[in-house]
Amino acid sequence: MQSLTGKVAVVTGAASGIGNAVATRLAEEGMNVVLADIEEGPLADAEKTLADSGATVMAVPTDVTKAEQVDALAEKTFARFGTAHVVHNNAGVATGGPMWTLAEEDWQWVLGVNLWGVIHGVRAFVPRMVEQDEGHVVNTASIAGLTSAPMMGPYNVSKHGVVTLSETLAAELALHGSSVKVSVLCPGWVNTRINEADRNRPPELQRTSDVGDSMAEMGRQLLDGLLKSGMAPAEVASRVVDAIRDERFYILTHPEMTPMIEHRMDDIVQGRNPSPGFFGA
């Protein structure tokens, strides 16, 4: 999709981090932008900032774990703009620790946002994009969707799911003869607030056990340092826009982490036992 001016983009998780940077960049490219996020205050602030810059923007508070709310996001987008050309399923959360110490609520929360949020986005938007035979879907996965680092079980599972969902969607669209394209974003460390994602955790999915909390806290402290030294979200956004224009499927923002992917693939192909590892190690 070479020309973005005047077209319509929808971005989830758009109040902060990568989502906000992508929405901002797409607005700078002349797109009309629909912002979706569960945090209503920051979402309203993001809408005002883009509107003040001259962008045509609409904010829709959305919990991507709820099918009916993502359906409503699609309905409001098409009611206002009549179409959607770029849909970036980006909302994400994280929790960690040894898997045997995690509560069921941890799994429900992370898989609900990271994987089901993408599933709902695909289901709500892609049929209309196929009908108009134009569009580009971007799904945010992670380097964690291509590797299997310890202490990140629910996050890894969700992101591996997003990668294979995206690969399968791209194959199905190609078999259908559709012009709709797909990209999967697999960044490494990015300077976002995903380490503070618990601020949006719903009451019904709060942890019911404190087992493993001390180790989880150690993990959070390590994560804080890695994120603060990570890539700027604006740089990730530039890579996303380039991929949309180039119709490139895999968006790998951290080439220094590519050897980790290669090593994992070699383990699989050669039938070796998985090699333990950690991002940045």
Protein backbone atom coordinates (compact mmCIF):
# COMPACT_ATOMS: atom_id res chain seq x y z
CA MET A 1 0.00 0.00 0.00
CA GLN A 2 2.12 2.84 -1.30
CA SER A 3 -0.27 5.74 -0.75
CA LEU A 4 -1.58 6.27 2.78
CA THR A 5 -2.88 9.83 2.49
CA GLY A 6 -6.61 10.09 3.11
CA LYS A 7 -6.96 6.45 4.10
CA VAL A 8 -8.15 5.06 7.43
CA ALA A 9 -6.14 3.31 10.14
CA VAL A 10 -7.32 1.59 13.33
CA VAL A 11 -4.79 1.00 16.11
CA THR A 12 -5.46 -0.80 19.40
CA GLY A 13 -3.38 -0.09 22.47
CA ALA A 14 -3.07 3.39 20.98
CA ALA A 15 -2.92 5.46 24.16
CA SER A 16 0.77 4.74 24.80
CA GLY A 17 3.87 2.89 23.67
CA ILE A 18 4.14 1.33 20.24
CA GLY A 19 0.44 1.82 19.50
CA ASN A 20 0.56 5.54 20.14
CA ALA A 21 3.75 5.92 18.11
CA VAL A 22 2.25 4.03 15.15
CA ALA A 23 -0.98 6.04 15.33
CA THR A 24 1.02 9.27 15.42
CA ARG A 25 3.17 8.25 12.47
CA LEU A 26 0.16 7.16 10.40
CA ALA A 27 -1.53 10.48 11.14
CA GLU A 28 1.64 12.25 9.97
CA GLU A 29 1.33 10.24 6.75
CA GLY A 30 -2.10 11.82 6.23
CA MET A 31 -4.27 8.95 7.41
CA ASN A 32 -7.49 9.30 9.38
CA VAL A 33 -6.84 7.44 12.61
CA VAL A 34 -9.10 5.52 14.99
CA LEU A 35 -7.52 5.10 18.41
CA ALA A 36 -8.61 2.24 20.66
CA ASP A 37 -7.45 1.59 24.20
CA ILE A 38 -8.82 0.41 27.54
CA GLU A 39 -7.37 3.45 29.39
CA GLU A 40 -9.94 6.16 28.78
CA GLY A 41 -8.00 9.11 30.25
CA PRO A 42 -4.77 8.56 28.32
CA LEU A 43 -6.84 7.68 25.24
CA ALA A 44 -8.61 11.04 25.40
CA ASP A 45 -5.24 12.77 25.81
CA ALA A 46 -3.86 10.94 22.77
CA GLU A 47 -6.92 11.93 20.73
CA LYS A 48 -6.52 15.59 21.69
CA THR A 49 -2.81 15.59 20.87
CA LEU A 50 -3.40 14.21 17.38
CA ALA A 51 -6.41 16.45 16.77
CA ASP A 52 -4.38 19.50 17.84
CA SER A 53 -1.75 18.51 15.26
CA GLY A 54 -4.38 18.69 12.55
CA ALA A 55 -5.16 15.00 12.21
CA THR A 56 -8.63 13.59 11.71
CA VAL A 57 -8.95 11.25 14.67
CA MET A 58 -11.59 9.32 16.61
CA ALA A 59 -11.05 7.61 19.97
CA VAL A 60 -13.05 4.53 20.93
CA PRO A 61 -12.53 3.10 24.44
CA THR A 62 -12.12 -0.63 23.83
CA ASP A 63 -11.33 -3.72 25.88
CA VAL A 64 -9.93 -6.01 23.18
CA THR A 65 -10.63 -9.11 25.28
CA LYS A 66 -14.35 -8.50 24.73
CA ALA A 67 -15.63 -9.59 21.32
CA GLU A 68 -18.58 -7.22 21.47
CA GLN A 69 -16.33 -4.22 22.15
CA VAL A 70 -14.09 -4.98 19.18
CA ASP A 71 -17.22 -5.45 17.06
CA ALA A 72 -18.37 -2.03 18.27
CA LEU A 73 -14.98 -0.56 17.36
CA ALA A 74 -15.40 -1.86 13.82
CA GLU A 75 -18.98 -0.60 13.58
CA LYS A 76 -17.99 2.88 14.76
CA THR A 77 -15.05 2.97 12.36
CA PHE A 78 -17.16 2.06 9.36
CA ALA A 79 -20.00 4.34 10.44
CA ARG A 80 -17.63 7.32 10.66
CA PHE A 81 -15.24 6.66 7.79
CA GLY A 82 -16.94 4.00 5.68
CA THR A 83 -13.83 1.83 5.54
CA ALA A 84 -10.59 0.76 7.19
CA HIS A 85 -7.37 0.32 5.25
CA VAL A 86 -4.85 -0.43 8.00
CA VAL A 87 -5.76 -2.35 11.15
CA HIS A 88 -3.00 -2.68 13.74
CA ASN A 89 -3.90 -5.20 16.45
CA ASN A 90 -1.36 -3.99 18.95
CA ALA A 91 -2.76 -4.02 22.50
CA GLY A 92 -0.58 -6.09 24.81
CA VAL A 93 0.18 -6.92 28.44
CA ALA A 94 2.74 -9.08 30.22
CA THR A 95 3.32 -11.02 33.40
CA GLY A 96 6.06 -13.46 34.29
CA GLY A 97 7.68 -15.93 36.63
CA PRO A 98 8.08 -19.71 36.67
CA MET A 99 5.00 -21.18 35.00
CA TRP A 100 4.24 -23.47 37.91
CA THR A 101 3.87 -20.45 40.19
CA LEU A 102 1.44 -18.56 37.95
CA ALA A 103 -2.27 -18.38 38.65
CA GLU A 104 -4.98 -19.23 36.13
CA GLU A 105 -5.87 -15.53 36.18
CA ASP A 106 -2.39 -14.68 34.83
CA TRP A 107 -2.96 -16.90 31.80
CA GLN A 108 -6.49 -15.65 31.20
CA TRP A 109 -5.41 -12.02 31.31
CA VAL A 110 -2.35 -12.28 29.05
CA LEU A 111 -3.94 -14.62 26.50
CA GLY A 112 -7.14 -12.55 26.55
CA VAL A 113 -5.38 -9.33 25.57
CA ASN A 114 -2.42 -10.52 23.50
CA LEU A 115 -3.99 -13.37 21.54
CA TRP A 116 -7.78 -13.04 21.76
CA GLY A 117 -7.44 -9.31 21.14
CA VAL A 118 -5.84 -10.11 17.79
CA ILE A 119 -8.37 -12.84 17.04
CA HIS A 120 -11.23 -10.42 17.69
CA GLY A 121 -9.58 -7.76 15.53
CA VAL A 122 -9.15 -10.15 12.62
CA ARG A 123 -12.70 -11.43 12.90
CA ALA A 124 -14.23 -7.94 13.15
CA PHE A 125 -12.26 -6.17 10.41
CA VAL A 126 -10.84 -8.63 7.88
CA PRO A 127 -14.15 -9.72 6.27
CA ARG A 128 -14.85 -6.10 5.29
CA MET A 129 -11.29 -5.59 4.09
CA VAL A 130 -11.58 -8.72 1.94
CA GLU A 131 -14.88 -7.44 0.56
CA GLN A 132 -13.32 -4.14 -0.47
CA ASP A 133 -10.19 -6.02 -1.65
CA GLU A 134 -7.85 -3.52 -0.06
CA GLY A 135 -6.10 -3.27 3.25
CA HIS A 136 -3.21 -4.23 5.47
CA VAL A 137 -3.36 -6.00 8.84
CA VAL A 138 -0.48 -5.55 11.30
CA ASN A 139 -0.42 -7.84 14.34
CA THR A 140 1.97 -7.11 17.18
CA ALA A 141 3.80 -10.23 18.33
CA SER A 142 7.34 -10.07 19.71
CA ILE A 143 10.75 -11.64 19.46
CA ALA A 144 9.13 -13.78 22.17
CA GLY A 145 6.91 -15.20 19.43
CA LEU A 146 9.97 -16.60 17.64
CA THR A 147 11.97 -17.78 20.67
CA SER A 148 11.17 -19.30 24.06
CA ALA A 149 12.94 -17.40 26.82
CA PRO A 150 12.29 -18.53 30.42
CA MET A 151 10.14 -16.67 32.96
CA MET A 152 7.74 -15.44 30.26
CA GLY A 153 5.42 -18.40 29.75
CA PRO A 154 2.02 -16.73 29.15
CA TYR A 155 3.63 -13.95 27.10
CA ASN A 156 5.58 -16.43 24.96
CA VAL A 157 2.51 -18.58 24.35
CA SER A 158 0.42 -15.57 23.35
CA LYS A 159 3.05 -14.18 21.00
CA HIS A 160 3.80 -17.52 19.35
CA GLY A 161 0.05 -17.68 18.78
CA VAL A 162 0.03 -14.26 17.13
CA VAL A 163 2.88 -15.26 14.80
CA THR A 164 1.20 -18.43 13.56
CA LEU A 165 -2.18 -16.68 13.37
CA SER A 166 -0.59 -14.03 11.16
CA GLU A 167 1.23 -16.55 8.98
CA THR A 168 -1.97 -18.55 8.52
CA LEU A 169 -4.02 -15.45 7.77
CA ALA A 170 -1.53 -14.34 5.13
CA ALA A 171 -1.63 -17.78 3.50
CA GLU A 172 -5.41 -17.87 3.51
CA LEU A 173 -5.70 -14.40 1.98
CA ALA A 174 -3.25 -15.40 -0.74
CA LEU A 175 -5.22 -18.58 -1.48
CA HIS A 176 -8.36 -16.48 -1.70
CA GLY A 177 -6.68 -14.18 -4.21
CA SER A 178 -7.20 -11.19 -1.93
CA SER A 179 -5.17 -8.01 -2.17
CA VAL A 180 -5.27 -7.64 1.65
CA LYS A 181 -1.78 -8.03 3.13
CA VAL A 182 -0.50 -8.97 6.58
CA SER A 183 2.53 -8.08 8.68
CA VAL A 184 3.59 -9.45 12.05
CA LEU A 185 5.64 -7.12 14.24
CA CYS A 186 8.29 -8.93 16.30
CA PRO A 187 10.29 -6.34 18.24
CA GLY A 188 12.84 -6.90 20.96
CA TRP A 189 13.14 -4.49 23.88
CA VAL A 190 11.19 -1.28 23.32
CA ASN A 191 10.95 1.62 25.76
CA THR A 192 7.28 1.20 26.72
CA ARG A 193 5.26 0.81 29.92
CA ILE A 194 4.32 -2.84 29.36
CA ASN A 195 6.03 -3.59 32.66
CA GLU A 196 3.25 -1.52 34.28
CA ALA A 197 0.48 -3.37 32.48
CA ASP A 198 -1.07 -4.48 35.80
CA ARG A 199 -2.61 -1.01 36.01
CA ASN A 200 -5.20 -2.22 33.48
CA ARG A 201 -5.75 -5.69 34.91
CA PRO A 202 -9.47 -6.24 35.58
CA PRO A 203 -10.57 -6.99 39.15
CA GLU A 204 -11.90 -10.44 38.27
CA LEU A 205 -8.46 -11.47 36.97
CA GLN A 206 -6.37 -10.24 39.87
CA ARG A 207 -4.06 -12.89 41.31
CA THR A 208 -5.63 -15.06 44.00
CA SER A 209 -2.27 -16.36 45.20
CA ASP A 210 1.05 -14.74 46.06
CA VAL A 211 3.05 -17.89 45.28
CA GLY A 212 6.22 -16.95 43.42
CA ASP A 213 5.73 -13.21 43.91
CA SER A 214 9.30 -12.67 45.14
CA MET A 215 10.76 -14.22 41.99
CA ALA A 216 8.26 -12.36 39.85
CA GLU A 217 9.37 -9.10 41.47
CA MET A 218 12.98 -9.88 40.59
CA GLY A 219 11.87 -10.44 37.03
CA ARG A 220 10.01 -7.13 36.96
CA GLN A 221 13.09 -5.25 38.13
CA LEU A 222 15.17 -6.83 35.37
CA LEU A 223 12.45 -6.04 32.83
CA ASP A 224 12.34 -2.40 33.95
CA GLY A 225 16.01 -1.93 33.11
CA LEU A 226 15.79 -3.69 29.76
CA LEU A 227 12.76 -1.67 28.66
CA LYS A 228 14.26 1.66 29.65
CA SER A 229 17.29 0.93 27.48
CA GLY A 230 15.12 -0.31 24.61
CA MET A 231 14.34 1.10 21.18
CA ALA A 232 12.21 4.23 20.98
CA PRO A 233 8.58 3.46 19.99
CA ALA A 234 8.86 6.06 17.20
CA GLU A 235 11.59 3.99 15.55
CA VAL A 236 9.40 0.89 15.71
CA ALA A 237 6.57 2.91 14.15
CA SER A 238 8.81 3.87 11.24
CA ARG A 239 9.56 0.19 10.60
CA VAL A 240 5.83 -0.58 10.66
CA VAL A 241 5.02 2.10 8.09
CA ASP A 242 7.87 0.90 5.86
CA ALA A 243 6.54 -2.66 6.05
CA ILE A 244 3.03 -1.55 5.11
CA ARG A 245 4.39 0.28 2.07
CA ASP A 246 6.68 -2.61 1.09
CA GLU A 247 4.04 -5.29 1.86
CA ARG A 248 6.65 -7.01 4.04
CA PHE A 249 5.35 -9.75 6.34
CA TYR A 250 7.98 -10.10 9.09
CA ILE A 251 8.93 -6.88 10.86
CA LEU A 252 12.10 -7.65 12.83
CA THR A 253 13.31 -4.50 14.52
CA HIS A 254 16.29 -5.87 16.46
CA PRO A 255 18.79 -7.62 14.13
CA GLU A 256 21.10 -8.34 17.06
CA MET A 257 18.49 -10.84 18.27
CA THR A 258 18.28 -12.73 14.95
CA PRO A 259 20.90 -15.31 16.06
CA MET A 260 18.51 -16.37 18.83
CA ILE A 261 15.86 -17.15 16.21
CA GLU A 262 18.38 -18.98 14.05
CA HIS A 263 19.60 -21.04 17.00
CA ARG A 264 16.06 -22.09 17.90
CA MET A 265 15.29 -23.06 14.31
CA ASP A 266 18.52 -25.08 14.15
CA ASP A 267 17.54 -26.88 17.36
CA ILE A 268 14.24 -27.84 15.75
CA VAL A 269 15.62 -28.88 12.36
CA GLN A 270 18.51 -30.85 13.88
CA GLY A 271 16.33 -32.47 16.54
CA ARG A 272 18.38 -31.03 19.40
CA ASN A 273 16.96 -30.33 22.82
CA PRO A 274 16.00 -26.66 23.24
CA SER A 275 18.83 -24.39 24.28
CA PRO A 276 18.09 -22.25 27.34
CA GLY A 277 18.54 -18.56 26.72
CA PHE A 278 17.35 -15.08 27.53
CA PHE A 279 16.98 -11.92 25.49
CA GLY A 280 20.11 -9.87 25.74
CA ALA A 281 22.11 -12.76 27.27
